[in-house]
Protein backbone atom coordinates (compact mmCIF):
# COMPACT_ATOMS: atom_id res chain seq x y z
CA MET A 1 141.81 224.35 90.14
CA SER A 2 138.46 222.24 89.55
CA ALA A 3 137.93 218.48 89.17
CA SER A 4 136.99 218.88 85.51
CA GLY A 5 139.53 221.42 84.57
CA ALA A 6 142.36 219.88 86.10
CA GLU A 7 143.91 218.93 82.98
CA VAL A 8 142.81 221.89 80.81
CA GLY A 9 145.85 223.33 79.03
CA ALA A 10 147.66 219.83 79.27
CA SER A 11 150.18 219.13 76.72
CA GLY A 12 152.46 216.91 78.28
CA VAL A 13 151.70 212.65 78.75
CA PHE A 14 150.31 210.95 81.62
CA ILE A 15 151.33 207.10 82.23
CA SER A 16 150.91 205.20 85.16
CA PHE A 17 151.85 202.22 85.84
CA GLU A 18 149.80 199.36 87.09
CA GLY A 19 150.08 195.47 88.32
CA ILE A 20 149.63 193.67 91.56
CA ASP A 21 151.98 193.53 94.69
CA GLY A 22 155.50 192.17 93.56
CA SER A 23 154.96 192.62 89.51
CA GLY A 24 158.05 195.02 89.65
CA LYS A 25 155.98 197.86 88.31
CA SER A 26 157.80 200.60 90.52
CA THR A 27 161.21 199.16 89.03
CA GLN A 28 159.74 199.25 85.54
CA ALA A 29 158.59 203.12 86.05
CA ARG A 30 161.84 204.21 87.16
CA ARG A 31 163.80 202.45 84.27
CA LEU A 32 161.05 203.91 81.94
CA ALA A 33 161.45 207.57 83.41
CA ASP A 34 165.62 207.04 83.59
CA ARG A 35 165.61 206.59 79.36
CA LEU A 36 163.28 208.71 78.60
CA ARG A 37 165.46 211.19 80.57
CA ALA A 38 168.29 209.98 78.58
CA GLU A 39 166.61 211.11 75.35
CA GLY A 40 166.01 214.47 76.41
CA ARG A 41 162.76 214.38 77.81
CA THR A 42 161.96 216.46 81.15
CA VAL A 43 159.54 213.42 83.23
CA ARG A 44 158.11 213.69 86.65
CA LEU A 45 158.51 210.31 88.16
CA THR A 46 155.60 210.06 91.06
CA ARG A 47 153.56 207.05 93.03
CA GLU A 48 150.28 206.75 94.95
CA PRO A 49 149.31 206.88 97.87
CA GLY A 50 151.49 210.10 98.03
CA GLY A 51 153.69 212.05 95.48
CA SER A 52 152.89 215.17 97.45
CA PRO A 53 153.16 216.27 100.54
CA GLY A 54 149.47 215.65 102.12
CA ALA A 55 149.17 212.49 99.94
CA GLU A 56 152.39 211.33 101.48
CA GLU A 57 150.66 211.96 105.31
CA ILE A 58 147.53 209.81 103.53
CA ARG A 59 149.91 206.82 102.52
CA ALA A 60 151.05 206.14 105.71
CA LEU A 61 147.44 205.81 106.79
CA VAL A 62 146.53 203.35 104.42
CA LEU A 63 150.12 200.58 103.83
CA GLU A 64 150.40 200.04 107.19
CA GLY A 65 148.95 198.54 109.85
CA ALA A 66 146.30 195.46 110.29
CA SER A 67 144.57 194.19 106.74
CA ASP A 68 141.15 195.25 108.41
CA ARG A 69 142.06 199.06 109.63
CA TRP A 70 139.94 200.31 107.71
CA SER A 71 136.62 199.88 106.06
CA PRO A 72 136.65 200.05 102.57
CA GLU A 73 134.38 203.15 102.09
CA THR A 74 136.57 204.92 104.57
CA GLU A 75 139.66 203.95 102.26
CA ILE A 76 137.93 204.98 98.90
CA LEU A 77 137.22 208.46 100.44
CA LEU A 78 141.34 208.39 102.58
CA PHE A 79 142.81 207.34 98.74
CA THR A 80 140.29 210.04 96.47
CA ALA A 81 141.62 212.99 98.95
CA ALA A 82 145.62 211.54 98.20
CA ARG A 83 144.46 211.35 94.60
CA ARG A 84 142.87 214.87 94.61
CA ASP A 85 145.95 216.27 96.29
CA HIS A 86 148.37 214.69 93.83
CA LEU A 87 146.47 215.89 90.75
CA GLU A 88 146.46 219.28 91.92
CA ARG A 89 149.73 219.80 93.42
CA VAL A 90 151.73 217.92 91.15
CA ILE A 91 150.40 216.33 88.01
CA ALA A 92 147.96 218.39 86.74
CA PRO A 93 150.96 221.50 86.72
CA ALA A 94 153.59 218.92 85.48
CA LEU A 95 151.38 218.07 82.36
CA ALA A 96 150.19 221.87 81.77
CA ALA A 97 154.57 222.55 81.64
CA GLY A 98 154.26 219.38 79.02
CA GLU A 99 155.98 217.20 80.96
CA VAL A 100 155.79 213.61 80.85
CA VAL A 101 154.36 212.17 83.50
CA ILE A 102 154.96 208.30 85.15
CA CYS A 103 152.87 207.59 88.44
CA ASP A 104 153.37 204.49 89.89
CA ARG A 105 150.13 203.63 90.55
CA TYR A 106 146.68 205.77 89.85
CA ALA A 107 142.80 205.48 89.52
CA ASP A 108 143.26 201.84 88.34
CA SER A 109 144.65 200.21 91.75
CA THR A 110 141.66 202.27 93.48
CA ARG A 111 139.07 200.28 91.36
CA MET A 112 140.90 196.80 91.96
CA TYR A 113 141.77 196.87 95.67
CA GLN A 114 138.94 198.51 97.05
CA GLY A 115 136.18 197.57 94.31
CA LEU A 116 137.52 194.04 94.49
CA ALA A 117 136.98 194.15 98.31
CA ARG A 118 133.56 194.94 98.34
CA PRO A 119 132.53 194.95 94.22
CA ASP A 120 128.60 196.90 95.58
CA LEU A 121 131.08 199.52 95.95
CA ARG A 122 132.86 199.89 92.50
CA ASP A 123 130.37 202.79 91.11
CA LEU A 124 130.87 204.64 93.81
CA VAL A 125 134.69 204.34 93.44
CA ASP A 126 134.13 205.63 89.77
CA THR A 127 131.69 208.41 90.66
CA LEU A 128 134.09 209.56 93.03
CA HIS A 129 136.76 209.71 90.39
CA ARG A 130 134.67 211.51 88.01
CA LEU A 131 133.29 213.61 90.41
CA MET A 132 136.70 214.37 92.39
CA ILE A 133 139.48 213.34 89.42
CA GLY A 134 138.45 213.59 85.79
CA ARG A 135 141.75 212.70 84.57
CA GLU A 136 142.59 209.24 82.98
CA PRO A 137 146.37 208.47 82.34
CA ASP A 138 146.83 208.40 78.79
CA LEU A 139 148.81 205.21 78.88
CA THR A 140 148.57 202.67 81.49
CA VAL A 141 151.70 199.88 81.41
CA LEU A 142 150.46 196.57 83.34
CA ILE A 143 152.79 194.45 84.34
CA ASP A 144 151.70 191.48 84.53
CA MET A 145 152.80 188.38 86.64
CA ASP A 146 152.02 185.08 88.61
CA PRO A 147 150.11 186.28 91.29
CA ALA A 148 152.49 183.40 93.98
CA THR A 149 155.10 184.42 92.53
CA GLY A 150 154.43 188.87 92.77
CA LEU A 151 153.16 187.63 96.34
CA GLU A 152 156.75 185.98 97.10
CA ARG A 153 158.87 188.90 95.38
CA ALA A 154 156.41 191.48 97.62
CA LEU A 155 156.76 189.69 101.02
CA GLY A 156 160.62 189.39 100.61
CA ARG A 157 160.57 193.25 100.84
CA GLY A 158 159.79 193.37 103.88
CA GLY A 159 159.39 197.05 105.60
CA GLY A 160 156.06 198.33 106.94
CA GLU A 161 154.20 198.90 104.12
CA ALA A 162 152.56 195.73 103.90
CA ARG A 163 149.52 195.60 104.77
CA PHE A 164 147.65 194.48 101.38
CA GLU A 165 150.04 191.97 100.96
CA GLY A 166 149.37 190.58 103.80
CA MET A 167 145.75 189.53 102.57
CA GLY A 168 146.67 186.64 100.83
CA LEU A 169 147.48 184.75 97.47
CA ALA A 170 143.43 184.58 96.84
CA TRP A 171 143.34 188.28 96.77
CA GLN A 172 146.28 188.54 94.83
CA GLU A 173 144.87 186.00 92.72
CA LYS A 174 141.84 188.29 92.41
CA MET A 175 143.63 191.45 91.72
CA ARG A 176 145.50 190.06 88.39
CA ALA A 177 141.75 189.00 87.08
CA GLY A 178 140.65 192.50 87.65
CA PHE A 179 144.03 193.89 85.96
CA LEU A 180 142.87 192.29 83.29
CA ASP A 181 139.60 193.06 82.69
CA LEU A 182 140.19 195.97 82.98
CA SER A 183 142.87 196.29 80.30
CA ARG A 184 140.24 194.52 77.84
CA ASP A 185 137.99 197.08 78.71
CA ALA A 186 140.42 199.61 77.51
CA PRO A 187 142.66 198.21 75.64
CA ASP A 188 143.83 201.73 74.01
CA ARG A 189 144.98 203.01 77.48
CA PHE A 190 146.57 199.96 78.38
CA LEU A 191 149.60 198.28 77.28
CA VAL A 192 149.91 194.91 79.15
CA ILE A 193 153.93 193.57 79.59
CA ASP A 194 154.99 190.36 80.75
CA GLY A 195 156.66 190.96 84.10
CA ALA A 196 157.67 187.40 84.61
CA ARG A 197 161.14 187.87 82.91
CA ASP A 198 164.36 189.46 83.98
CA PRO A 199 164.02 193.17 84.83
CA ASP A 200 166.52 194.31 81.35
CA THR A 201 164.00 192.14 78.94
CA VAL A 202 160.82 193.63 80.26
CA ALA A 203 162.57 197.17 80.33
CA ASP A 204 163.33 196.62 77.25
CA GLU A 205 160.48 196.12 75.54
CA VAL A 206 158.47 198.71 77.27
CA ALA A 207 160.45 201.64 76.44
CA PRO A 208 160.01 201.05 72.36
CA ARG A 209 156.41 200.53 73.42
CA VAL A 210 155.81 203.54 75.32
CA ARG A 211 157.53 205.57 72.92
CA ASP A 212 155.47 204.80 70.56
CA HIS A 213 153.01 206.62 72.43
CA LEU A 214 154.92 210.27 72.69
CA PRO A 215 154.47 212.84 70.66
């Protein structure tokens, strides 16, 4: 399957969820998947990095360990490799089968995490995406959150996947600003949702706004 042809014949809808660490995007992705399934839609809930066996192995490499474990260049290559495998084995087949694919993080996260770490590499991120992935989501739900609150939530989760959370509040503030900039650059693709409310209220806003974009 060629990168440019990965989406050929696709009839499903591809939705990504983005946001800073601790924004609640994973919870909202799950809740949306549950609601759409209850309405009779076939939904594939997946995540990045990961989502396929090979990509899950790469996930462990990039999310665990010290914050300076990899250079930005190496991270870009690792994330692109994981995304390519995920696209080939999970996303493209599900879309071709007419499913709604909901992905917890996608290419926008790479644009932020690696592109912000080294702004001079942002063009490389976009070039690799164009050459090796060639697929943007049909809709991106950005769960917006105050960086201090999000970081507190993220650190409170514990676990081994805290490499990026360990980069501190200034990094989270830069991330939030970057995601909002992306939403302004692609307003037709992004829905920006206030994530500072309780999860039920957020979910009650997400579902109808997403439903407006579904066939």
